[in-house]
Amino acid sequence: MEDPDAFISYYSNDILKLVAESWCGPNSQMTAQVNIVRPGGEMQKPHRDYHLGFQENKVVELFPISAHRLSNYLTLQGGVAHTDMPLETGPTIVLPYSHHFDLGYLAWRDDACTEFFNTNAVQNQMNKGDGIFFNPALLHGAGSNTSNDFHRIGNLLQISSPFGKTMESINYIKILERIYPFLLEHSIKKTLSEKLIENVLICATDGYAFPTNLDYDHYVGQIAIGRLNNGILKMNTSYAVCGEKSTQHHQKFSALYT
């Protein structure tokens, strides 16, 4: 991460959090890619994305219609304009209401679907800082950049429900290690409120849909689930269990599972 403070400033945005929670609920996962389309860049084929949209038709056919309907509710797609995007630079083109078509994950590769899209789709110019967010089942595609010298730049966002799985694998530990000193400084100097810091942390951590990292086995009892980053855990060895208010020493495992 080149600029942790820029990350903090960008993802502390209250509007971005509101948009994410309106579709995915709390503890969503954020992935992003900055996209640059140079002059002469061609129009994308209209398509669907998450999650079935990335599969070939022979795979999509294996899933029941309930999975087709569910797929698009696990992700919100969007983008933020990092430059102005007049129509000649090719901002995103969408086909209104196309997300209602249950068989769209199978149909979008058909020539007839592309022809219908080209006849009926809509496109709006965007100003720097504008955002567009939509159901990933909405047929869409980037437009052609027919300008002579304008580089269209946007930050493509995929906001995933904690019940879903993001497209990229994110090293959240590394992100947190980079931004923590900056967040701490903001907290001490009161330059960011706790609410805005929370907004950043939602984008920099792995949201999990379940309320605890504990499981229970009727034979073994309570089971702690976690990840070991350093060291080795062994049976018949004493450990300290550090809680929020106290530490219990001389604790031993009754069982270890990997």
C-alpha atoms as a PDB file:
ATOM      1  CA  MET A   1       0.000   0.000   0.000  1.00  0.00           C
ATOM      2  CA  GLU A   2       1.638   3.234  -1.184  1.00  0.00           C
ATOM      3  CA  ASP A   3      -0.431   5.732   0.824  1.00  0.00           C
ATOM      4  CA  PRO A   4      -2.284   4.468   3.920  1.00  0.00           C
ATOM      5  CA  ASP A   5      -3.658   7.919   4.683  1.00  0.00           C
ATOM      6  CA  ALA A   6      -5.240   8.120   1.211  1.00  0.00           C
ATOM      7  CA  PHE A   7      -6.842   4.704   1.837  1.00  0.00           C
ATOM      8  CA  ILE A   8      -8.238   5.968   5.137  1.00  0.00           C
ATOM      9  CA  SER A   9      -9.554   9.188   3.612  1.00  0.00           C
ATOM     10  CA  TYR A  10     -11.184   7.325   0.706  1.00  0.00           C
ATOM     11  CA  TYR A  11     -12.892   4.503   2.576  1.00  0.00           C
ATOM     12  CA  SER A  12     -14.016   6.476   5.628  1.00  0.00           C
ATOM     13  CA  ASN A  13     -16.718   7.941   3.387  1.00  0.00           C
ATOM     14  CA  ASP A  14     -20.168   7.685   5.018  1.00  0.00           C
ATOM     15  CA  ILE A  15     -21.965   7.532   1.672  1.00  0.00           C
ATOM     16  CA  LEU A  16     -19.925   4.517   0.581  1.00  0.00           C
ATOM     17  CA  LYS A  17     -20.817   2.719   3.797  1.00  0.00           C
ATOM     18  CA  LEU A  18     -24.500   3.602   3.387  1.00  0.00           C
ATOM     19  CA  VAL A  19     -24.536   2.270  -0.176  1.00  0.00           C
ATOM     20  CA  ALA A  20     -22.790  -0.950   0.876  1.00  0.00           C
ATOM     21  CA  GLU A  21     -25.134  -1.635   3.781  1.00  0.00           C
ATOM     22  CA  SER A  22     -28.242  -0.865   1.725  1.00  0.00           C
ATOM     23  CA  TRP A  23     -27.525  -3.908  -0.464  1.00  0.00           C
ATOM     24  CA  CYS A  24     -25.234  -6.233   1.491  1.00  0.00           C
ATOM     25  CA  GLY A  25     -26.055  -5.431   5.107  1.00  0.00           C
ATOM     26  CA  PRO A  26     -23.359  -4.955   7.771  1.00  0.00           C
ATOM     27  CA  ASN A  27     -19.775  -6.263   7.660  1.00  0.00           C
ATOM     28  CA  SER A  28     -19.500  -6.362   3.881  1.00  0.00           C
ATOM     29  CA  GLN A  29     -16.160  -6.972   2.131  1.00  0.00           C
ATOM     30  CA  MET A  30     -14.682  -4.404  -0.228  1.00  0.00           C
ATOM     31  CA  THR A  31     -12.431  -5.096  -3.200  1.00  0.00           C
ATOM     32  CA  ALA A  32     -11.381  -2.513  -5.764  1.00  0.00           C
ATOM     33  CA  GLN A  33      -9.377  -2.062  -8.961  1.00  0.00           C
ATOM     34  CA  VAL A  34      -8.452   1.259 -10.536  1.00  0.00           C
ATOM     35  CA  ASN A  35      -9.372   1.033 -14.229  1.00  0.00           C
ATOM     36  CA  ILE A  36      -7.796   3.215 -16.939  1.00  0.00           C
ATOM     37  CA  VAL A  37      -9.319   3.247 -20.433  1.00  0.00           C
ATOM     38  CA  ARG A  38      -7.117   4.995 -22.973  1.00  0.00           C
ATOM     39  CA  PRO A  39      -8.268   6.753 -26.168  1.00  0.00           C
ATOM     40  CA  GLY A  40      -9.411   4.141 -28.669  1.00  0.00           C
ATOM     41  CA  GLY A  41     -10.475   1.673 -25.988  1.00  0.00           C
ATOM     42  CA  GLU A  42     -13.307  -0.464 -27.363  1.00  0.00           C
ATOM     43  CA  MET A  43     -16.725  -1.094 -25.852  1.00  0.00           C
ATOM     44  CA  GLN A  44     -17.095  -4.141 -23.631  1.00  0.00           C
ATOM     45  CA  LYS A  45     -19.475  -6.894 -24.630  1.00  0.00           C
ATOM     46  CA  PRO A  46     -22.593  -6.463 -22.439  1.00  0.00           C
ATOM     47  CA  HIS A  47     -22.446  -9.002 -19.646  1.00  0.00           C
ATOM     48  CA  ARG A  48     -23.365 -10.058 -16.143  1.00  0.00           C
ATOM     49  CA  ASP A  49     -20.905 -10.541 -13.302  1.00  0.00           C
ATOM     50  CA  TYR A  50     -20.979 -12.168  -9.854  1.00  0.00           C
ATOM     51  CA  HIS A  51     -20.909 -15.025  -9.347  1.00  0.00           C
ATOM     52  CA  LEU A  52     -22.410 -17.089 -12.128  1.00  0.00           C
ATOM     53  CA  GLY A  53     -21.423 -14.436 -14.643  1.00  0.00           C
ATOM     54  CA  PHE A  54     -17.828 -15.654 -14.466  1.00  0.00           C
ATOM     55  CA  GLN A  55     -18.755 -19.222 -15.391  1.00  0.00           C
ATOM     56  CA  GLU A  56     -19.102 -20.790 -18.821  1.00  0.00           C
ATOM     57  CA  ASN A  57     -22.639 -21.714 -19.859  1.00  0.00           C
ATOM     58  CA  LYS A  58     -21.931 -25.425 -19.476  1.00  0.00           C
ATOM     59  CA  VAL A  59     -21.230 -24.741 -15.796  1.00  0.00           C
ATOM     60  CA  VAL A  60     -24.077 -22.255 -15.297  1.00  0.00           C
ATOM     61  CA  GLU A  61     -26.533 -24.855 -16.613  1.00  0.00           C
ATOM     62  CA  LEU A  62     -25.697 -27.115 -13.676  1.00  0.00           C
ATOM     63  CA  PHE A  63     -27.075 -24.649 -11.122  1.00  0.00           C
ATOM     64  CA  PRO A  64     -30.798 -24.560 -10.243  1.00  0.00           C
ATOM     65  CA  ILE A  65     -32.780 -21.408 -10.984  1.00  0.00           C
ATOM     66  CA  SER A  66     -32.747 -20.560  -7.257  1.00  0.00           C
ATOM     67  CA  ALA A  67     -28.950 -20.172  -7.447  1.00  0.00           C
ATOM     68  CA  HIS A  68     -29.325 -17.904 -10.493  1.00  0.00           C
ATOM     69  CA  ARG A  69     -31.642 -15.657  -8.493  1.00  0.00           C
ATOM     70  CA  LEU A  70     -29.501 -15.720  -5.365  1.00  0.00           C
ATOM     71  CA  SER A  71     -26.145 -15.046  -7.006  1.00  0.00           C
ATOM     72  CA  ASN A  72     -26.686 -11.359  -7.697  1.00  0.00           C
ATOM     73  CA  TYR A  73     -27.828 -10.588  -4.142  1.00  0.00           C
ATOM     74  CA  LEU A  74     -24.420 -11.468  -2.672  1.00  0.00           C
ATOM     75  CA  THR A  75     -22.553  -8.590  -4.349  1.00  0.00           C
ATOM     76  CA  LEU A  76     -23.083  -4.937  -5.206  1.00  0.00           C
ATOM     77  CA  GLN A  77     -21.113  -3.635  -8.148  1.00  0.00           C
ATOM     78  CA  GLY A  78     -20.124  -0.075  -8.695  1.00  0.00           C
ATOM     79  CA  GLY A  79     -17.515   2.464  -9.544  1.00  0.00           C
ATOM     80  CA  VAL A  80     -16.336   5.937  -8.633  1.00  0.00           C
ATOM     81  CA  ALA A  81     -15.182   8.345 -11.332  1.00  0.00           C
ATOM     82  CA  HIS A  82     -11.615   9.543 -10.729  1.00  0.00           C
ATOM     83  CA  THR A  83     -11.864  11.795 -13.784  1.00  0.00           C
ATOM     84  CA  ASP A  84     -14.741  13.431 -15.580  1.00  0.00           C
ATOM     85  CA  MET A  85     -16.387  10.945 -17.940  1.00  0.00           C
ATOM     86  CA  PRO A  86     -18.139  12.676 -20.854  1.00  0.00           C
ATOM     87  CA  LEU A  87     -20.030  10.317 -23.144  1.00  0.00           C
ATOM     88  CA  GLU A  88     -17.260  10.186 -25.740  1.00  0.00           C
ATOM     89  CA  THR A  89     -14.932   8.629 -23.133  1.00  0.00           C
ATOM     90  CA  GLY A  90     -17.289   5.657 -22.686  1.00  0.00           C
ATOM     91  CA  PRO A  91     -18.757   5.609 -19.158  1.00  0.00           C
ATOM     92  CA  THR A  92     -20.673   2.475 -18.131  1.00  0.00           C
ATOM     93  CA  ILE A  93     -23.687   1.495 -20.258  1.00  0.00           C
ATOM     94  CA  VAL A  94     -26.562  -0.396 -18.594  1.00  0.00           C
ATOM     95  CA  LEU A  95     -29.800  -2.070 -19.683  1.00  0.00           C
ATOM     96  CA  PRO A  96     -32.523  -1.063 -17.180  1.00  0.00           C
ATOM     97  CA  TYR A  97     -34.541  -3.893 -15.597  1.00  0.00           C
ATOM     98  CA  SER A  98     -32.417  -6.617 -17.205  1.00  0.00           C
ATOM     99  CA  HIS A  99     -31.576  -8.002 -13.753  1.00  0.00           C
ATOM    100  CA  HIS A 100     -35.156  -9.325 -13.562  1.00  0.00           C
ATOM    101  CA  PHE A 101     -34.520 -11.827 -16.369  1.00  0.00           C
ATOM    102  CA  ASP A 102     -33.992 -15.148 -14.560  1.00  0.00           C
ATOM    103  CA  LEU A 103     -32.090 -16.754 -17.437  1.00  0.00           C
ATOM    104  CA  GLY A 104     -29.802 -13.795 -17.991  1.00  0.00           C
ATOM    105  CA  TYR A 105     -26.705 -15.658 -16.772  1.00  0.00           C
ATOM    106  CA  LEU A 106     -27.193 -18.062 -19.676  1.00  0.00           C
ATOM    107  CA  ALA A 107     -28.426 -15.554 -22.260  1.00  0.00           C
ATOM    108  CA  TRP A 108     -25.916 -12.713 -22.093  1.00  0.00           C
ATOM    109  CA  ARG A 109     -23.460 -14.383 -24.492  1.00  0.00           C
ATOM    110  CA  ASP A 110     -26.108 -14.729 -27.233  1.00  0.00           C
ATOM    111  CA  ASP A 111     -25.895 -12.362 -30.199  1.00  0.00           C
ATOM    112  CA  ALA A 112     -29.609 -11.599 -29.878  1.00  0.00           C
ATOM    113  CA  CYS A 113     -29.033 -10.414 -26.298  1.00  0.00           C
ATOM    114  CA  THR A 114     -26.181  -8.148 -27.437  1.00  0.00           C
ATOM    115  CA  GLU A 115     -28.338  -6.710 -30.217  1.00  0.00           C
ATOM    116  CA  PHE A 116     -31.184  -5.998 -27.776  1.00  0.00           C
ATOM    117  CA  PHE A 117     -28.726  -4.365 -25.388  1.00  0.00           C
ATOM    118  CA  ASN A 118     -27.269  -2.113 -28.083  1.00  0.00           C
ATOM    119  CA  THR A 119     -30.763  -0.956 -29.062  1.00  0.00           C
ATOM    120  CA  ASN A 120     -32.177  -0.297 -25.588  1.00  0.00           C
ATOM    121  CA  ALA A 121     -29.309   0.410 -23.177  1.00  0.00           C
ATOM    122  CA  VAL A 122     -28.710   3.812 -21.579  1.00  0.00           C
ATOM    123  CA  GLN A 123     -25.570   5.734 -20.712  1.00  0.00           C
ATOM    124  CA  ASN A 124     -24.982   8.777 -18.501  1.00  0.00           C
ATOM    125  CA  GLN A 125     -21.946  10.999 -18.389  1.00  0.00           C
ATOM    126  CA  MET A 126     -20.226  11.236 -15.011  1.00  0.00           C
ATOM    127  CA  ASN A 127     -18.313  13.963 -13.274  1.00  0.00           C
ATOM    128  CA  LYS A 128     -15.206  13.368 -11.192  1.00  0.00           C
ATOM    129  CA  GLY A 129     -16.341  12.001  -7.827  1.00  0.00           C
ATOM    130  CA  ASP A 130     -19.656  10.622  -9.099  1.00  0.00           C
ATOM    131  CA  GLY A 131     -20.501   7.018  -8.324  1.00  0.00           C
ATOM    132  CA  ILE A 132     -22.623   4.363  -9.991  1.00  0.00           C
ATOM    133  CA  PHE A 133     -23.802   1.222  -8.170  1.00  0.00           C
ATOM    134  CA  PHE A 134     -25.954  -1.593  -9.491  1.00  0.00           C
ATOM    135  CA  ASN A 135     -27.067  -5.197  -9.156  1.00  0.00           C
ATOM    136  CA  PRO A 136     -24.382  -7.350 -10.869  1.00  0.00           C
ATOM    137  CA  ALA A 137     -27.151  -9.153 -12.791  1.00  0.00           C
ATOM    138  CA  LEU A 138     -27.899  -5.902 -14.606  1.00  0.00           C
ATOM    139  CA  LEU A 139     -26.562  -6.240 -18.142  1.00  0.00           C
ATOM    140  CA  HIS A 140     -23.800  -3.680 -18.481  1.00  0.00           C
ATOM    141  CA  GLY A 141     -20.525  -2.884 -20.168  1.00  0.00           C
ATOM    142  CA  ALA A 142     -17.952  -0.135 -20.453  1.00  0.00           C
ATOM    143  CA  GLY A 143     -18.430   2.133 -23.455  1.00  0.00           C
ATOM    144  CA  SER A 144     -15.923   2.962 -26.175  1.00  0.00           C
ATOM    145  CA  ASN A 145     -13.446   5.750 -25.525  1.00  0.00           C
ATOM    146  CA  THR A 146     -13.696   7.618 -28.834  1.00  0.00           C
ATOM    147  CA  SER A 147     -11.840  10.685 -27.565  1.00  0.00           C
ATOM    148  CA  ASN A 148      -8.457  11.658 -29.000  1.00  0.00           C
ATOM    149  CA  ASP A 149      -6.522  12.296 -25.809  1.00  0.00           C
ATOM    150  CA  PHE A 150      -8.674  11.598 -22.720  1.00  0.00           C
ATOM    151  CA  HIS A 151      -7.796   8.776 -20.319  1.00  0.00           C
ATOM    152  CA  ARG A 152     -10.916   7.643 -18.465  1.00  0.00           C
ATOM    153  CA  ILE A 153     -10.087   6.589 -14.895  1.00  0.00           C
ATOM    154  CA  GLY A 154     -12.459   4.962 -12.446  1.00  0.00           C
ATOM    155  CA  ASN A 155     -12.221   2.896  -9.281  1.00  0.00           C
ATOM    156  CA  LEU A 156     -14.216  -0.300  -9.819  1.00  0.00           C
ATOM    157  CA  LEU A 157     -15.759  -1.532  -6.568  1.00  0.00           C
ATOM    158  CA  GLN A 158     -17.123  -4.952  -5.685  1.00  0.00           C
ATOM    159  CA  ILE A 159     -18.911  -4.960  -2.346  1.00  0.00           C
ATOM    160  CA  SER A 160     -19.587  -8.494  -1.160  1.00  0.00           C
ATOM    161  CA  SER A 161     -21.968  -9.781   1.476  1.00  0.00           C
ATOM    162  CA  PRO A 162     -20.222 -11.539   4.384  1.00  0.00           C
ATOM    163  CA  PHE A 163     -22.250 -14.579   3.282  1.00  0.00           C
ATOM    164  CA  GLY A 164     -20.548 -14.505  -0.124  1.00  0.00           C
ATOM    165  CA  LYS A 165     -16.972 -14.767  -1.343  1.00  0.00           C
ATOM    166  CA  THR A 166     -14.958 -11.998  -2.934  1.00  0.00           C
ATOM    167  CA  MET A 167     -13.245 -12.414  -6.297  1.00  0.00           C
ATOM    168  CA  GLU A 168      -9.814 -11.443  -4.935  1.00  0.00           C
ATOM    169  CA  SER A 169      -7.899 -12.840  -1.988  1.00  0.00           C
ATOM    170  CA  ILE A 170      -7.015  -9.896   0.246  1.00  0.00           C
ATOM    171  CA  ASN A 171      -4.157  -9.796   2.776  1.00  0.00           C
ATOM    172  CA  TYR A 172      -6.085  -7.922   5.447  1.00  0.00           C
ATOM    173  CA  ILE A 173      -3.291  -8.294   8.010  1.00  0.00           C
ATOM    174  CA  LYS A 174      -0.876  -6.399   5.764  1.00  0.00           C
ATOM    175  CA  ILE A 175      -3.457  -3.652   5.122  1.00  0.00           C
ATOM    176  CA  LEU A 176      -4.128  -3.274   8.854  1.00  0.00           C
ATOM    177  CA  GLU A 177      -0.418  -3.155   9.662  1.00  0.00           C
ATOM    178  CA  ARG A 178       0.019  -0.317   7.163  1.00  0.00           C
ATOM    179  CA  ILE A 179      -2.971   1.808   8.160  1.00  0.00           C
ATOM    180  CA  TYR A 180      -2.926   1.272  11.939  1.00  0.00           C
ATOM    181  CA  PRO A 181      -0.318   3.977  12.753  1.00  0.00           C
ATOM    182  CA  PHE A 182      -2.246   6.471  10.658  1.00  0.00           C
ATOM    183  CA  LEU A 183      -5.588   5.533  12.228  1.00  0.00           C
ATOM    184  CA  LEU A 184      -4.019   5.798  15.672  1.00  0.00           C
ATOM    185  CA  GLU A 185      -2.742   9.277  14.860  1.00  0.00           C
ATOM    186  CA  HIS A 186      -6.188  10.319  13.594  1.00  0.00           C
ATOM    187  CA  SER A 187      -7.750   8.941  16.780  1.00  0.00           C
ATOM    188  CA  ILE A 188      -5.299  10.745  19.088  1.00  0.00           C
ATOM    189  CA  LYS A 189      -5.552  14.051  17.216  1.00  0.00           C
ATOM    190  CA  LYS A 190      -9.348  13.710  16.776  1.00  0.00           C
ATOM    191  CA  THR A 191      -8.993  14.358  13.036  1.00  0.00           C
ATOM    192  CA  LEU A 192     -11.341  11.443  12.311  1.00  0.00           C
ATOM    193  CA  SER A 193     -14.358  10.514  14.385  1.00  0.00           C
ATOM    194  CA  GLU A 194     -14.791   6.978  15.752  1.00  0.00           C
ATOM    195  CA  LYS A 195     -17.609   6.526  13.255  1.00  0.00           C
ATOM    196  CA  LEU A 196     -15.357   7.367  10.276  1.00  0.00           C
ATOM    197  CA  ILE A 197     -12.580   5.139  11.620  1.00  0.00           C
ATOM    198  CA  GLU A 198     -15.123   2.322  11.816  1.00  0.00           C
ATOM    199  CA  ASN A 199     -15.986   2.959   8.156  1.00  0.00           C
ATOM    200  CA  VAL A 200     -12.331   2.440   7.231  1.00  0.00           C
ATOM    201  CA  LEU A 201     -12.029  -0.735   9.299  1.00  0.00           C
ATOM    202  CA  ILE A 202     -15.065  -2.274   7.600  1.00  0.00           C
ATOM    203  CA  CYS A 203     -13.226  -1.920   4.271  1.00  0.00           C
ATOM    204  CA  ALA A 204      -9.914  -3.144   5.687  1.00  0.00           C
ATOM    205  CA  THR A 205     -11.079  -6.289   7.501  1.00  0.00           C
ATOM    206  CA  ASP A 206     -12.674  -9.603   6.625  1.00  0.00           C
ATOM    207  CA  GLY A 207     -16.369  -9.331   7.488  1.00  0.00           C
ATOM    208  CA  TYR A 208     -17.730 -12.566   8.910  1.00  0.00           C
ATOM    209  CA  ALA A 209     -21.393 -13.464   8.951  1.00  0.00           C
ATOM    210  CA  PHE A 210     -21.422 -15.395  12.197  1.00  0.00           C
ATOM    211  CA  PRO A 211     -21.304 -13.874  15.685  1.00  0.00           C
ATOM    212  CA  THR A 212     -18.430 -15.820  17.287  1.00  0.00           C
ATOM    213  CA  ASN A 213     -15.306 -17.856  16.645  1.00  0.00           C
ATOM    214  CA  LEU A 214     -16.489 -20.528  19.092  1.00  0.00           C
ATOM    215  CA  ASP A 215     -18.020 -23.869  18.223  1.00  0.00           C
ATOM    216  CA  TYR A 216     -19.390 -26.585  20.500  1.00  0.00           C
ATOM    217  CA  ASP A 217     -19.057 -30.351  20.459  1.00  0.00           C
ATOM    218  CA  HIS A 218     -21.278 -32.422  22.734  1.00  0.00           C
ATOM    219  CA  TYR A 219     -18.335 -34.688  23.573  1.00  0.00           C
ATOM    220  CA  VAL A 220     -15.397 -32.270  23.693  1.00  0.00           C
ATOM    221  CA  GLY A 221     -17.237 -29.159  24.851  1.00  0.00           C
ATOM    222  CA  GLN A 222     -16.427 -25.616  23.751  1.00  0.00           C
ATOM    223  CA  ILE A 223     -14.108 -25.300  20.741  1.00  0.00           C
ATOM    224  CA  ALA A 224     -12.151 -22.164  19.787  1.00  0.00           C
ATOM    225  CA  ILE A 225     -11.584 -21.645  16.062  1.00  0.00           C
ATOM    226  CA  GLY A 226      -8.749 -19.431  14.926  1.00  0.00           C
ATOM    227  CA  ARG A 227      -5.642 -18.980  12.804  1.00  0.00           C
ATOM    228  CA  LEU A 228      -2.066 -19.399  14.039  1.00  0.00           C
ATOM    229  CA  ASN A 229       0.176 -16.703  12.558  1.00  0.00           C
ATOM    230  CA  ASN A 230       3.374 -17.531  14.474  1.00  0.00           C
ATOM    231  CA  GLY A 231       4.730 -20.334  16.646  1.00  0.00           C
ATOM    232  CA  ILE A 232       3.590 -23.886  17.322  1.00  0.00           C
ATOM    233  CA  LEU A 233       0.749 -25.162  19.497  1.00  0.00           C
ATOM    234  CA  LYS A 234       1.376 -28.406  21.374  1.00  0.00           C
ATOM    235  CA  MET A 235      -0.529 -30.727  23.654  1.00  0.00           C
ATOM    236  CA  ASN A 236       0.556 -30.965  27.307  1.00  0.00           C
ATOM    237  CA  THR A 237       1.997 -27.445  27.178  1.00  0.00           C
ATOM    238  CA  SER A 238       0.834 -24.555  29.372  1.00  0.00           C
ATOM    239  CA  TYR A 239      -0.515 -21.389  27.767  1.00  0.00           C
ATOM    240  CA  ALA A 240      -1.980 -18.105  28.947  1.00  0.00           C
ATOM    241  CA  VAL A 241      -5.481 -17.174  27.806  1.00  0.00           C
ATOM    242  CA  CYS A 242      -5.637 -13.382  27.566  1.00  0.00           C
ATOM    243  CA  GLY A 243      -9.106 -11.900  27.950  1.00  0.00           C
ATOM    244  CA  GLU A 244     -10.238  -8.309  27.820  1.00  0.00           C
ATOM    245  CA  LYS A 245     -10.111  -7.897  31.607  1.00  0.00           C
ATOM    246  CA  SER A 246      -8.054 -10.823  32.898  1.00  0.00           C
ATOM    247  CA  THR A 247      -5.462 -13.437  31.965  1.00  0.00           C
ATOM    248  CA  GLN A 248      -5.721 -17.109  32.881  1.00  0.00           C
ATOM    249  CA  HIS A 249      -2.365 -18.856  33.242  1.00  0.00           C
ATOM    250  CA  HIS A 250      -1.401 -22.543  33.066  1.00  0.00           C
ATOM    251  CA  GLN A 251      -4.100 -23.487  30.572  1.00  0.00           C
ATOM    252  CA  LYS A 252      -3.748 -26.650  28.472  1.00  0.00           C
ATOM    253  CA  PHE A 253      -5.501 -27.965  25.371  1.00  0.00           C
ATOM    254  CA  SER A 254      -7.731 -31.012  25.764  1.00  0.00           C
ATOM    255  CA  ALA A 255      -7.570 -31.526  21.979  1.00  0.00           C
ATOM    256  CA  LEU A 256      -6.085 -29.874  18.883  1.00  0.00           C
ATOM    257  CA  TYR A 257      -7.567 -30.047  15.379  1.00  0.00           C
ATOM    258  CA  THR A 258      -6.103 -28.830  12.079  1.00  0.00           C
END
